[in-house]
Amino acid sequence: MEEINNIEVVPCTDSDYLKPFRVHYNQNGTKKSWDFMRTHDSVSVLIFNTTSHCFVLVKQFRPAVYMCEWERMKKQPPQAAEKTEEGASETPAPESQEGQSASEGESSSPWPPASAGVTYELCAGLVDKPDLSLEEIARQEVLEECGYDVPASKLKRITSYRSGVGVTGAKQTMFYAEVSDDNCVSTGGGEPREGELIEVVKVPLHEAMTFAYDERIPKTMGVIFSFIWFHNNMSPKYKISTNV
């Protein structure tokens, strides 16, 4: 998953996912303009396995994150960039679905290591199927990415919020799903036909908050928020500790 090569950056003149625009407007008598991207809304799912008392996340390479790291490293002195590459390999890794940690080969390439673009995230997907409800889209993502077959009726809506308010303003709706080993019908991994290459990882409940606040582990805000939500709303129900 983390062997990245033949990198080429080109202008994006046409995309099925992003549409750039510039809006002109007056605000309190002042003429302004703003550049933004139109994109799809999305859903995300916090998955808790009640059999093993762990959270089920996804780990994948994100080109946008990788390129941001590349831009940041270009501005650093050579010695600082080397330390950044070394630090990337020291990030503690949660247990993978197969019980192994991902590894990659390092090289003397001017590009950062592939791990610089890998993030831990909630299971998520775009709202691009108008004939399906948000719950049904979330159910499909859980099945495709993580391998658990959960009825849409069992998904609990946590909340919705705006993400990327300065660039896209898209809305994401977050759900909570409880699963057990009995619900696991495949290894997950995403939909190869859509270019997805996803690793399923498990975060033990007692390590959740340490994981959330460990800045060495690249993760989305959704992971942090959902772990806090679980601690405040579900831990009392189970009478279990999230190690806060």
Protein backbone atom coordinates (compact mmCIF):
# COMPACT_ATOMS: atom_id res chain seq x y z
CA MET A 1 0.00 0.00 0.00
CA GLU A 2 2.86 2.39 0.76
CA GLU A 3 5.03 1.93 -2.35
CA ILE A 4 4.64 5.24 -4.14
CA ASN A 5 6.64 6.09 -7.27
CA ASN A 6 6.45 7.75 -10.71
CA ILE A 7 5.05 10.93 -9.15
CA GLU A 8 3.97 13.61 -11.60
CA VAL A 9 2.11 16.81 -10.70
CA VAL A 10 -0.01 18.32 -13.48
CA PRO A 11 -2.75 20.99 -13.67
CA CYS A 12 -6.26 19.77 -12.92
CA THR A 13 -8.44 21.01 -15.75
CA ASP A 14 -11.37 18.63 -15.32
CA SER A 15 -12.56 16.59 -12.33
CA ASP A 16 -15.59 14.56 -11.32
CA TYR A 17 -14.97 15.47 -7.67
CA LEU A 18 -13.82 19.10 -7.51
CA LYS A 19 -15.11 22.15 -9.35
CA PRO A 20 -13.21 25.41 -8.74
CA PHE A 21 -15.16 28.69 -8.69
CA ARG A 22 -14.69 32.33 -7.72
CA VAL A 23 -17.60 34.16 -6.16
CA HIS A 24 -17.87 37.96 -6.09
CA TYR A 25 -20.12 39.58 -3.48
CA ASN A 26 -20.67 42.64 -1.31
CA GLN A 27 -20.48 42.31 2.47
CA ASN A 28 -21.55 45.30 4.55
CA GLY A 29 -20.82 47.59 1.62
CA THR A 30 -17.38 46.11 0.89
CA LYS A 31 -16.79 44.34 -2.42
CA LYS A 32 -15.14 40.95 -1.91
CA SER A 33 -14.25 37.76 -3.79
CA TRP A 34 -13.52 34.23 -2.66
CA ASP A 35 -12.18 31.13 -4.38
CA PHE A 36 -13.84 27.85 -3.46
CA MET A 37 -14.36 24.28 -4.57
CA ARG A 38 -17.70 22.59 -5.12
CA THR A 39 -17.61 18.97 -4.04
CA HIS A 40 -19.82 16.21 -2.67
CA ASP A 41 -21.07 15.97 0.89
CA SER A 42 -19.98 12.87 2.78
CA VAL A 43 -20.74 10.41 5.56
CA SER A 44 -18.43 8.91 8.18
CA VAL A 45 -18.93 6.05 10.63
CA LEU A 46 -17.40 5.41 14.04
CA ILE A 47 -17.30 1.60 14.26
CA PHE A 48 -17.01 -0.12 17.64
CA ASN A 49 -16.47 -3.88 17.79
CA THR A 50 -18.22 -5.17 20.91
CA THR A 51 -16.50 -8.56 20.68
CA SER A 52 -12.94 -7.25 20.92
CA HIS A 53 -13.72 -3.85 22.50
CA CYS A 54 -11.88 -1.91 19.82
CA PHE A 55 -12.56 0.81 17.30
CA VAL A 56 -12.30 -0.07 13.63
CA LEU A 57 -10.58 2.59 11.54
CA VAL A 58 -9.22 2.73 8.02
CA LYS A 59 -5.69 3.59 6.99
CA GLN A 60 -4.92 4.86 3.53
CA PHE A 61 -2.56 6.94 1.44
CA ARG A 62 -3.86 10.46 0.82
CA PRO A 63 -2.14 12.25 -2.10
CA ALA A 64 -3.25 15.68 -0.84
CA VAL A 65 -1.62 15.06 2.54
CA TYR A 66 1.50 13.71 0.85
CA MET A 67 1.86 16.75 -1.38
CA CYS A 68 1.38 19.12 1.57
CA GLU A 69 4.21 17.31 3.36
CA TRP A 70 6.34 17.58 0.22
CA GLU A 71 5.74 21.33 0.05
CA ARG A 72 6.57 21.68 3.75
CA MET A 73 9.77 19.66 3.42
CA LYS A 74 10.94 21.77 0.47
CA LYS A 75 11.00 24.80 2.77
CA GLN A 76 13.02 23.04 5.48
CA PRO A 77 16.82 22.90 5.70
CA PRO A 78 18.16 19.48 4.58
CA GLN A 79 18.96 18.35 8.14
CA ALA A 80 15.45 19.19 9.38
CA ALA A 81 13.90 17.29 6.47
CA GLU A 82 15.99 14.23 7.29
CA LYS A 83 14.77 14.31 10.89
CA THR A 84 11.19 14.54 9.64
CA GLU A 85 11.66 11.40 7.52
CA GLU A 86 13.21 9.57 10.46
CA GLY A 87 10.35 10.60 12.73
CA ALA A 88 7.78 9.29 10.28
CA SER A 89 9.02 5.74 10.78
CA GLU A 90 8.79 6.08 14.57
CA THR A 91 5.04 6.60 14.60
CA PRO A 92 3.40 3.80 16.61
CA ALA A 93 1.00 1.76 14.50
CA PRO A 94 -2.30 0.26 15.71
CA GLU A 95 -3.06 -3.38 15.04
CA SER A 96 -3.99 -4.13 11.46
CA GLN A 97 -6.86 -6.44 10.54
CA GLU A 98 -4.26 -9.12 9.84
CA GLY A 99 -2.39 -8.33 13.06
CA GLN A 100 0.62 -6.83 11.28
CA SER A 101 2.01 -3.31 11.06
CA ALA A 102 2.54 -1.76 7.66
CA SER A 103 6.14 -1.18 6.55
CA GLU A 104 7.78 0.43 3.60
CA GLY A 105 11.20 0.71 1.97
CA GLU A 106 12.97 4.02 2.44
CA SER A 107 15.14 5.55 -0.26
CA SER A 108 17.24 8.62 -0.93
CA SER A 109 14.52 10.07 -3.17
CA PRO A 110 13.86 13.84 -3.04
CA TRP A 111 10.28 12.93 -2.26
CA PRO A 112 9.24 12.26 1.35
CA PRO A 113 8.58 8.65 2.40
CA ALA A 114 5.16 7.31 1.45
CA SER A 115 4.23 7.19 5.14
CA ALA A 116 4.09 11.00 5.07
CA GLY A 117 0.82 10.69 3.14
CA VAL A 118 -0.81 7.90 5.17
CA THR A 119 -3.60 8.83 7.57
CA TYR A 120 -5.90 7.05 10.02
CA GLU A 121 -9.55 7.87 9.45
CA LEU A 122 -13.11 6.87 10.17
CA CYS A 123 -14.78 4.73 7.55
CA ALA A 124 -16.27 7.31 5.18
CA GLY A 125 -17.60 7.94 1.71
CA LEU A 126 -19.08 10.52 -0.64
CA VAL A 127 -22.78 11.25 -0.86
CA ASP A 128 -22.99 10.67 -4.60
CA LYS A 129 -25.92 8.26 -4.87
CA PRO A 130 -29.14 10.34 -4.90
CA ASP A 131 -31.35 7.25 -4.73
CA LEU A 132 -29.88 6.16 -1.36
CA SER A 133 -30.37 7.61 2.11
CA LEU A 134 -27.37 8.75 4.16
CA GLU A 135 -27.76 5.64 6.32
CA GLU A 136 -27.73 3.36 3.28
CA ILE A 137 -24.62 5.06 1.89
CA ALA A 138 -22.91 4.71 5.27
CA ARG A 139 -23.88 1.04 5.41
CA GLN A 140 -22.31 0.42 2.00
CA GLU A 141 -19.08 2.12 3.06
CA VAL A 142 -18.82 0.01 6.24
CA LEU A 143 -19.26 -3.14 4.17
CA GLU A 144 -16.84 -2.17 1.38
CA GLU A 145 -14.10 -0.59 3.48
CA CYS A 146 -14.22 -2.60 6.72
CA GLY A 147 -16.06 -5.82 5.83
CA TYR A 148 -18.90 -5.57 8.37
CA ASP A 149 -22.50 -6.12 7.30
CA VAL A 150 -24.59 -3.76 9.43
CA PRO A 151 -28.28 -2.99 8.74
CA ALA A 152 -28.86 0.69 7.96
CA SER A 153 -31.45 0.76 10.75
CA LYS A 154 -28.71 -0.01 13.28
CA LEU A 155 -26.70 3.10 12.44
CA LYS A 156 -27.02 5.85 15.04
CA ARG A 157 -26.70 9.40 13.78
CA ILE A 158 -24.22 11.35 15.92
CA THR A 159 -24.28 14.76 14.22
CA SER A 160 -23.45 16.65 11.04
CA TYR A 161 -20.98 19.48 10.52
CA ARG A 162 -19.23 21.52 7.86
CA SER A 163 -15.72 20.55 6.80
CA GLY A 164 -13.22 22.62 4.83
CA VAL A 165 -15.25 25.77 5.47
CA GLY A 166 -12.66 27.98 3.77
CA VAL A 167 -12.41 25.88 0.61
CA THR A 168 -15.36 23.52 0.09
CA GLY A 169 -17.93 24.10 2.83
CA ALA A 170 -19.13 20.52 2.34
CA LYS A 171 -21.26 18.81 4.98
CA GLN A 172 -20.32 15.52 6.61
CA THR A 173 -22.79 13.42 8.60
CA MET A 174 -21.30 11.13 11.24
CA PHE A 175 -22.85 7.84 12.36
CA TYR A 176 -22.08 5.30 15.06
CA ALA A 177 -22.22 1.55 14.42
CA GLU A 178 -21.76 -1.32 16.83
CA VAL A 179 -20.50 -4.52 15.25
CA SER A 180 -19.32 -7.90 16.43
CA ASP A 181 -17.10 -10.53 14.91
CA ASP A 182 -20.31 -12.23 13.73
CA ASN A 183 -20.98 -9.21 11.45
CA CYS A 184 -17.61 -9.52 9.71
CA VAL A 185 -18.25 -11.00 6.25
CA SER A 186 -15.05 -9.94 4.45
CA THR A 187 -11.65 -8.36 5.00
CA GLY A 188 -12.83 -5.02 3.60
CA GLY A 189 -10.21 -2.92 1.87
CA GLY A 190 -12.43 -0.73 -0.28
CA GLU A 191 -13.55 -0.98 -3.87
CA PRO A 192 -10.57 -1.63 -6.22
CA ARG A 193 -12.59 -0.53 -9.24
CA GLU A 194 -12.82 2.92 -7.66
CA GLY A 195 -9.09 3.03 -6.99
CA GLU A 196 -9.44 2.42 -3.27
CA LEU A 197 -6.62 0.70 -1.40
CA ILE A 198 -7.52 0.63 2.27
CA GLU A 199 -6.10 -1.16 5.30
CA VAL A 200 -8.42 -1.90 8.20
CA VAL A 201 -6.89 -1.16 11.61
CA LYS A 202 -8.11 -1.70 15.15
CA VAL A 203 -7.56 0.64 18.07
CA PRO A 204 -8.16 -1.00 21.49
CA LEU A 205 -10.67 0.93 23.56
CA HIS A 206 -8.30 1.47 26.48
CA GLU A 207 -5.80 3.11 24.10
CA ALA A 208 -8.33 5.29 22.26
CA MET A 209 -7.73 8.66 23.90
CA THR A 210 -3.97 8.24 23.92
CA PHE A 211 -4.23 7.48 20.20
CA ALA A 212 -6.49 10.51 19.63
CA TYR A 213 -4.09 13.00 21.19
CA ASP A 214 -0.83 11.51 19.91
CA GLU A 215 0.30 14.09 17.35
CA ARG A 216 2.79 11.64 15.88
CA ILE A 217 -0.11 9.60 14.49
CA PRO A 218 -1.64 11.36 11.46
CA LYS A 219 -5.40 11.30 11.76
CA THR A 220 -8.52 13.26 10.87
CA MET A 221 -10.46 15.47 13.24
CA GLY A 222 -13.34 13.03 12.86
CA VAL A 223 -11.34 10.36 14.68
CA ILE A 224 -10.57 12.66 17.60
CA PHE A 225 -14.11 14.01 17.89
CA SER A 226 -15.76 10.60 17.62
CA PHE A 227 -13.53 9.08 20.30
CA ILE A 228 -14.44 11.95 22.65
CA TRP A 229 -18.12 11.47 21.78
CA PHE A 230 -17.87 7.77 22.63
CA HIS A 231 -16.16 8.55 25.94
CA ASN A 232 -18.91 11.00 26.90
CA ASN A 233 -21.90 9.01 25.65
CA MET A 234 -21.12 5.30 25.43
CA SER A 235 -18.46 4.54 28.03
CA PRO A 236 -20.88 5.04 30.94
CA LYS A 237 -23.28 2.59 29.29
CA TYR A 238 -20.61 -0.10 29.06
CA LYS A 239 -18.96 0.91 32.35
CA ILE A 240 -15.61 0.79 30.61
CA SER A 241 -12.69 3.19 30.52
CA THR A 242 -11.23 4.93 27.48
CA ASN A 243 -8.12 5.77 29.48
CA VAL A 244 -8.68 9.52 29.82
